[in-house]
Amino acid sequence: FKGADVVRKVQTYAIEKDGYQFLLFLIVLLAAILTGAQHVNAQTSVDGLSYAPNVYYQMYDYAGEGNEFANQDVHLQYPPDDNGIYQFSVSNGGTTIVFVYQMSNEGVYELAYFPEMYDVTDLRGHANVTDTQKSLVLPATLAVGQEFNRGYRADETYQVIDILPTFELLEATYYNVVVVEPVVHPEGGEQRFYYAPHIG
């Protein structure tokens, strides 16, 4: 009888031990899946329209340093219309510039800009907007290694150098961040632009 109790205890211990090991296996497996899920987001190409600047929020507060990258307040003045045309203002040091952009099947374009505009006026139908001149901001598809031309004369070549699975800035984490830089950097420095999906 006592021997039987010992057998039962050993069997019970073995079951509990196996159950514990199985539970431990599940925890490790779940942790591996969750960790791997963060890396699955690493991509080689993405939808460029999801990275359109200054359209997904009513206001953006850019923090920066120096003259060229000083703090900026960006306000979405008019959201995209039926043709994907939207308007926003950029204020920096008392100066405000209004930009008109368009989201299309070909990408995101700058259609016109208006310096020293301090009244909120819908400029999406302005002659400078409806003419044929435009500057590509981001192509419809962004792929690592891809080059594209910006500027109203298409004379500024940029390249997608990376799509980061994660990028941390000011205690915030962004995912699938597209990194773009000019092929020819300005003399004496480097420029690099980071775009996050549905943020810009």
C-alpha atoms as a PDB file:
ATOM      1  CA  PHE A   1       0.000   0.000   0.000  1.00  0.00           C
ATOM      2  CA  LYS A   2       2.769   2.370   0.887  1.00  0.00           C
ATOM      3  CA  GLY A   3       4.582   1.357  -2.267  1.00  0.00           C
ATOM      4  CA  ALA A   4       1.481   2.184  -4.290  1.00  0.00           C
ATOM      5  CA  ASP A   5       1.358   5.656  -2.688  1.00  0.00           C
ATOM      6  CA  VAL A   6       4.966   6.212  -3.700  1.00  0.00           C
ATOM      7  CA  VAL A   7       4.150   5.205  -7.287  1.00  0.00           C
ATOM      8  CA  ARG A   8       1.159   7.572  -7.325  1.00  0.00           C
ATOM      9  CA  LYS A   9       3.294  10.408  -5.987  1.00  0.00           C
ATOM     10  CA  VAL A  10       5.993   9.733  -8.575  1.00  0.00           C
ATOM     11  CA  GLN A  11       3.383   9.606 -11.337  1.00  0.00           C
ATOM     12  CA  THR A  12       1.734  12.794 -10.060  1.00  0.00           C
ATOM     13  CA  TYR A  13       5.111  14.525  -9.869  1.00  0.00           C
ATOM     14  CA  ALA A  14       5.920  13.366 -13.413  1.00  0.00           C
ATOM     15  CA  ILE A  15       2.578  14.718 -14.700  1.00  0.00           C
ATOM     16  CA  GLU A  16       3.072  18.025 -12.900  1.00  0.00           C
ATOM     17  CA  LYS A  17       6.628  18.246 -14.206  1.00  0.00           C
ATOM     18  CA  ASP A  18       5.519  17.487 -17.763  1.00  0.00           C
ATOM     19  CA  GLY A  19       2.729  20.031 -17.443  1.00  0.00           C
ATOM     20  CA  TYR A  20       5.165  22.631 -16.181  1.00  0.00           C
ATOM     21  CA  GLN A  21       7.570  21.923 -19.036  1.00  0.00           C
ATOM     22  CA  PHE A  22       4.719  22.149 -21.564  1.00  0.00           C
ATOM     23  CA  LEU A  23       3.580  25.451 -20.056  1.00  0.00           C
ATOM     24  CA  LEU A  24       7.154  26.737 -20.169  1.00  0.00           C
ATOM     25  CA  PHE A  25       7.372  25.651 -23.809  1.00  0.00           C
ATOM     26  CA  LEU A  26       4.175  27.587 -24.628  1.00  0.00           C
ATOM     27  CA  ILE A  27       5.503  30.729 -22.938  1.00  0.00           C
ATOM     28  CA  VAL A  28       8.795  30.535 -24.852  1.00  0.00           C
ATOM     29  CA  LEU A  29       6.943  29.864 -28.110  1.00  0.00           C
ATOM     30  CA  LEU A  30       4.614  32.820 -27.552  1.00  0.00           C
ATOM     31  CA  ALA A  31       7.533  35.102 -26.750  1.00  0.00           C
ATOM     32  CA  ALA A  32       9.310  33.976 -29.918  1.00  0.00           C
ATOM     33  CA  ILE A  33       6.207  34.651 -32.003  1.00  0.00           C
ATOM     34  CA  LEU A  34       5.735  38.115 -30.538  1.00  0.00           C
ATOM     35  CA  THR A  35       9.400  38.946 -30.991  1.00  0.00           C
ATOM     36  CA  GLY A  36       9.356  37.643 -34.513  1.00  0.00           C
ATOM     37  CA  ALA A  37       6.211  39.633 -35.314  1.00  0.00           C
ATOM     38  CA  GLN A  38       8.114  42.841 -34.786  1.00  0.00           C
ATOM     39  CA  HIS A  39      10.684  41.747 -37.371  1.00  0.00           C
ATOM     40  CA  VAL A  40       8.105  40.540 -39.886  1.00  0.00           C
ATOM     41  CA  ASN A  41       7.292  44.204 -40.459  1.00  0.00           C
ATOM     42  CA  ALA A  42      10.672  44.705 -42.152  1.00  0.00           C
ATOM     43  CA  GLN A  43       9.844  45.273 -45.812  1.00  0.00           C
ATOM     44  CA  THR A  44      11.668  46.083 -49.017  1.00  0.00           C
ATOM     45  CA  SER A  45       8.799  48.072 -50.581  1.00  0.00           C
ATOM     46  CA  VAL A  46       5.746  49.946 -49.282  1.00  0.00           C
ATOM     47  CA  ASP A  47       2.801  52.017 -50.494  1.00  0.00           C
ATOM     48  CA  GLY A  48       4.128  55.560 -50.920  1.00  0.00           C
ATOM     49  CA  LEU A  49       0.716  57.196 -50.475  1.00  0.00           C
ATOM     50  CA  SER A  50       0.618  55.955 -46.883  1.00  0.00           C
ATOM     51  CA  TYR A  51       3.651  58.167 -46.227  1.00  0.00           C
ATOM     52  CA  ALA A  52       2.210  61.405 -47.649  1.00  0.00           C
ATOM     53  CA  PRO A  53       3.418  64.384 -45.566  1.00  0.00           C
ATOM     54  CA  ASN A  54       1.180  66.590 -43.452  1.00  0.00           C
ATOM     55  CA  VAL A  55      -2.176  65.077 -44.337  1.00  0.00           C
ATOM     56  CA  TYR A  56      -3.040  62.529 -41.645  1.00  0.00           C
ATOM     57  CA  TYR A  57      -3.283  64.964 -38.717  1.00  0.00           C
ATOM     58  CA  GLN A  58      -4.720  68.442 -38.337  1.00  0.00           C
ATOM     59  CA  MET A  59      -1.531  69.785 -36.783  1.00  0.00           C
ATOM     60  CA  TYR A  60       2.132  68.785 -36.692  1.00  0.00           C
ATOM     61  CA  ASP A  61       4.701  70.212 -34.308  1.00  0.00           C
ATOM     62  CA  TYR A  62       8.207  69.715 -35.700  1.00  0.00           C
ATOM     63  CA  ALA A  63      11.140  70.059 -33.323  1.00  0.00           C
ATOM     64  CA  GLY A  64      14.467  71.015 -34.849  1.00  0.00           C
ATOM     65  CA  GLU A  65      17.714  72.893 -34.541  1.00  0.00           C
ATOM     66  CA  GLY A  66      19.468  75.507 -36.656  1.00  0.00           C
ATOM     67  CA  ASN A  67      18.081  77.679 -39.420  1.00  0.00           C
ATOM     68  CA  GLU A  68      17.164  75.073 -42.001  1.00  0.00           C
ATOM     69  CA  PHE A  69      15.729  72.600 -39.492  1.00  0.00           C
ATOM     70  CA  ALA A  70      14.230  75.016 -36.978  1.00  0.00           C
ATOM     71  CA  ASN A  71      10.969  74.328 -35.168  1.00  0.00           C
ATOM     72  CA  GLN A  72       7.942  74.357 -37.443  1.00  0.00           C
ATOM     73  CA  ASP A  73       4.206  74.430 -36.904  1.00  0.00           C
ATOM     74  CA  VAL A  74       2.289  72.699 -39.669  1.00  0.00           C
ATOM     75  CA  HIS A  75      -1.481  73.015 -40.051  1.00  0.00           C
ATOM     76  CA  LEU A  76      -3.622  71.025 -42.450  1.00  0.00           C
ATOM     77  CA  GLN A  77      -5.853  73.783 -43.806  1.00  0.00           C
ATOM     78  CA  TYR A  78      -7.872  71.796 -46.346  1.00  0.00           C
ATOM     79  CA  PRO A  79      -8.004  67.971 -46.457  1.00  0.00           C
ATOM     80  CA  PRO A  80      -7.817  66.042 -49.744  1.00  0.00           C
ATOM     81  CA  ASP A  81     -10.671  66.759 -52.148  1.00  0.00           C
ATOM     82  CA  ASP A  82     -12.074  64.339 -54.723  1.00  0.00           C
ATOM     83  CA  ASN A  83      -8.855  64.706 -56.722  1.00  0.00           C
ATOM     84  CA  GLY A  84      -6.631  64.068 -53.703  1.00  0.00           C
ATOM     85  CA  ILE A  85      -5.518  67.721 -53.511  1.00  0.00           C
ATOM     86  CA  TYR A  86      -4.850  69.097 -50.038  1.00  0.00           C
ATOM     87  CA  GLN A  87      -3.370  72.255 -48.551  1.00  0.00           C
ATOM     88  CA  PHE A  88      -1.243  72.913 -45.475  1.00  0.00           C
ATOM     89  CA  SER A  89       0.758  75.765 -44.005  1.00  0.00           C
ATOM     90  CA  VAL A  90       4.248  75.723 -42.524  1.00  0.00           C
ATOM     91  CA  SER A  91       5.076  78.441 -39.985  1.00  0.00           C
ATOM     92  CA  ASN A  92       8.639  79.078 -38.883  1.00  0.00           C
ATOM     93  CA  GLY A  93       9.969  82.151 -37.099  1.00  0.00           C
ATOM     94  CA  GLY A  94       7.027  84.363 -38.026  1.00  0.00           C
ATOM     95  CA  THR A  95       7.033  83.311 -41.689  1.00  0.00           C
ATOM     96  CA  THR A  96       4.266  81.163 -43.140  1.00  0.00           C
ATOM     97  CA  ILE A  97       4.385  79.274 -46.435  1.00  0.00           C
ATOM     98  CA  VAL A  98       1.346  77.480 -47.854  1.00  0.00           C
ATOM     99  CA  PHE A  99       1.809  74.279 -49.863  1.00  0.00           C
ATOM    100  CA  VAL A 100      -0.669  72.484 -52.096  1.00  0.00           C
ATOM    101  CA  TYR A 101      -0.057  68.737 -52.547  1.00  0.00           C
ATOM    102  CA  GLN A 102      -1.831  65.993 -54.428  1.00  0.00           C
ATOM    103  CA  MET A 103      -2.101  62.263 -53.755  1.00  0.00           C
ATOM    104  CA  SER A 104      -2.514  60.372 -57.031  1.00  0.00           C
ATOM    105  CA  ASN A 105      -1.954  56.927 -58.510  1.00  0.00           C
ATOM    106  CA  GLU A 106       1.531  58.074 -59.526  1.00  0.00           C
ATOM    107  CA  GLY A 107       2.539  59.320 -56.072  1.00  0.00           C
ATOM    108  CA  VAL A 108       2.485  62.436 -53.905  1.00  0.00           C
ATOM    109  CA  TYR A 109       3.184  65.712 -55.732  1.00  0.00           C
ATOM    110  CA  GLU A 110       3.739  69.300 -54.723  1.00  0.00           C
ATOM    111  CA  LEU A 111       1.575  71.356 -57.081  1.00  0.00           C
ATOM    112  CA  ALA A 112       2.486  74.829 -55.825  1.00  0.00           C
ATOM    113  CA  TYR A 113       3.674  76.832 -52.834  1.00  0.00           C
ATOM    114  CA  PHE A 114       2.807  80.354 -51.724  1.00  0.00           C
ATOM    115  CA  PRO A 115       5.269  82.288 -49.503  1.00  0.00           C
ATOM    116  CA  GLU A 116       4.120  84.854 -46.966  1.00  0.00           C
ATOM    117  CA  MET A 117       0.503  83.651 -46.786  1.00  0.00           C
ATOM    118  CA  TYR A 118      -1.029  84.554 -43.432  1.00  0.00           C
ATOM    119  CA  ASP A 119      -4.755  84.317 -44.192  1.00  0.00           C
ATOM    120  CA  VAL A 120      -6.362  80.900 -44.533  1.00  0.00           C
ATOM    121  CA  THR A 121      -7.555  80.866 -48.129  1.00  0.00           C
ATOM    122  CA  ASP A 122      -8.371  77.852 -50.252  1.00  0.00           C
ATOM    123  CA  LEU A 123      -5.730  77.935 -52.986  1.00  0.00           C
ATOM    124  CA  ARG A 124      -6.408  74.510 -54.440  1.00  0.00           C
ATOM    125  CA  GLY A 125      -8.034  76.084 -57.510  1.00  0.00           C
ATOM    126  CA  HIS A 126      -5.315  78.695 -58.030  1.00  0.00           C
ATOM    127  CA  ALA A 127      -3.741  78.964 -61.498  1.00  0.00           C
ATOM    128  CA  ASN A 128      -0.348  77.940 -60.104  1.00  0.00           C
ATOM    129  CA  VAL A 129      -1.946  74.754 -58.818  1.00  0.00           C
ATOM    130  CA  THR A 130      -3.850  73.813 -61.949  1.00  0.00           C
ATOM    131  CA  ASP A 131      -0.960  74.322 -64.394  1.00  0.00           C
ATOM    132  CA  THR A 132       1.223  71.441 -65.548  1.00  0.00           C
ATOM    133  CA  GLN A 133       4.203  72.148 -63.294  1.00  0.00           C
ATOM    134  CA  LYS A 134       4.590  69.879 -60.287  1.00  0.00           C
ATOM    135  CA  SER A 135       7.294  68.339 -58.134  1.00  0.00           C
ATOM    136  CA  LEU A 136       7.297  64.695 -57.078  1.00  0.00           C
ATOM    137  CA  VAL A 137       7.500  64.284 -53.305  1.00  0.00           C
ATOM    138  CA  LEU A 138       7.139  60.507 -52.995  1.00  0.00           C
ATOM    139  CA  PRO A 139       6.435  57.864 -55.665  1.00  0.00           C
ATOM    140  CA  ALA A 140       3.368  55.630 -55.353  1.00  0.00           C
ATOM    141  CA  THR A 141       5.635  52.717 -54.418  1.00  0.00           C
ATOM    142  CA  LEU A 142       8.753  53.085 -52.305  1.00  0.00           C
ATOM    143  CA  ALA A 143      11.409  50.377 -52.567  1.00  0.00           C
ATOM    144  CA  VAL A 144      14.892  50.096 -51.084  1.00  0.00           C
ATOM    145  CA  GLY A 145      17.464  51.251 -53.624  1.00  0.00           C
ATOM    146  CA  GLN A 146      14.903  53.143 -55.697  1.00  0.00           C
ATOM    147  CA  GLU A 147      15.828  56.556 -57.114  1.00  0.00           C
ATOM    148  CA  PHE A 148      13.394  59.299 -58.086  1.00  0.00           C
ATOM    149  CA  ASN A 149      13.589  62.966 -59.061  1.00  0.00           C
ATOM    150  CA  ARG A 150      12.172  65.899 -57.152  1.00  0.00           C
ATOM    151  CA  GLY A 151      11.858  69.556 -58.072  1.00  0.00           C
ATOM    152  CA  TYR A 152       9.694  71.356 -60.620  1.00  0.00           C
ATOM    153  CA  ARG A 153      12.447  70.626 -63.144  1.00  0.00           C
ATOM    154  CA  ALA A 154      12.924  67.085 -61.824  1.00  0.00           C
ATOM    155  CA  ASP A 155      16.600  67.892 -61.292  1.00  0.00           C
ATOM    156  CA  GLU A 156      17.031  66.688 -57.686  1.00  0.00           C
ATOM    157  CA  THR A 157      17.673  62.938 -57.409  1.00  0.00           C
ATOM    158  CA  TYR A 158      16.761  61.134 -54.198  1.00  0.00           C
ATOM    159  CA  GLN A 159      17.141  57.527 -53.156  1.00  0.00           C
ATOM    160  CA  VAL A 160      15.310  55.225 -50.746  1.00  0.00           C
ATOM    161  CA  ILE A 161      18.203  53.864 -48.698  1.00  0.00           C
ATOM    162  CA  ASP A 162      16.292  51.780 -46.158  1.00  0.00           C
ATOM    163  CA  ILE A 163      12.940  50.757 -44.699  1.00  0.00           C
ATOM    164  CA  LEU A 164      13.508  50.403 -40.971  1.00  0.00           C
ATOM    165  CA  PRO A 165      11.357  47.867 -39.088  1.00  0.00           C
ATOM    166  CA  THR A 166      11.395  50.234 -36.091  1.00  0.00           C
ATOM    167  CA  PHE A 167      12.695  53.708 -35.384  1.00  0.00           C
ATOM    168  CA  GLU A 168      12.654  55.438 -31.991  1.00  0.00           C
ATOM    169  CA  LEU A 169      12.507  59.190 -31.539  1.00  0.00           C
ATOM    170  CA  LEU A 170      11.575  61.242 -28.469  1.00  0.00           C
ATOM    171  CA  GLU A 171      10.358  58.160 -26.579  1.00  0.00           C
ATOM    172  CA  ALA A 172       8.059  57.122 -29.447  1.00  0.00           C
ATOM    173  CA  THR A 173       8.474  54.046 -31.650  1.00  0.00           C
ATOM    174  CA  TYR A 174       7.600  54.144 -35.341  1.00  0.00           C
ATOM    175  CA  TYR A 175       7.323  51.131 -37.648  1.00  0.00           C
ATOM    176  CA  ASN A 176       8.268  50.563 -41.293  1.00  0.00           C
ATOM    177  CA  VAL A 177      10.034  53.901 -41.491  1.00  0.00           C
ATOM    178  CA  VAL A 178      11.215  54.873 -44.978  1.00  0.00           C
ATOM    179  CA  VAL A 179      14.605  56.603 -45.112  1.00  0.00           C
ATOM    180  CA  VAL A 180      15.227  58.915 -48.085  1.00  0.00           C
ATOM    181  CA  GLU A 181      18.279  61.005 -48.851  1.00  0.00           C
ATOM    182  CA  PRO A 182      19.594  63.020 -51.808  1.00  0.00           C
ATOM    183  CA  VAL A 183      22.067  61.242 -54.064  1.00  0.00           C
ATOM    184  CA  VAL A 184      24.226  64.363 -53.889  1.00  0.00           C
ATOM    185  CA  HIS A 185      24.320  65.754 -50.346  1.00  0.00           C
ATOM    186  CA  PRO A 186      24.627  69.490 -49.722  1.00  0.00           C
ATOM    187  CA  GLU A 187      28.196  70.628 -49.338  1.00  0.00           C
ATOM    188  CA  GLY A 188      29.390  70.273 -45.772  1.00  0.00           C
ATOM    189  CA  GLY A 189      26.527  68.112 -44.494  1.00  0.00           C
ATOM    190  CA  GLU A 190      24.116  65.253 -44.935  1.00  0.00           C
ATOM    191  CA  GLN A 191      20.370  65.271 -45.390  1.00  0.00           C
ATOM    192  CA  ARG A 192      18.227  62.313 -44.487  1.00  0.00           C
ATOM    193  CA  PHE A 193      14.450  62.205 -44.334  1.00  0.00           C
ATOM    194  CA  TYR A 194      12.426  59.716 -42.304  1.00  0.00           C
ATOM    195  CA  TYR A 195       8.805  58.949 -43.218  1.00  0.00           C
ATOM    196  CA  ALA A 196       6.421  56.946 -41.057  1.00  0.00           C
ATOM    197  CA  PRO A 197       3.179  55.428 -42.410  1.00  0.00           C
ATOM    198  CA  HIS A 198       0.025  57.479 -41.781  1.00  0.00           C
ATOM    199  CA  ILE A 199       2.175  60.183 -40.208  1.00  0.00           C
ATOM    200  CA  GLY A 200       4.389  61.475 -42.992  1.00  0.00           C
END
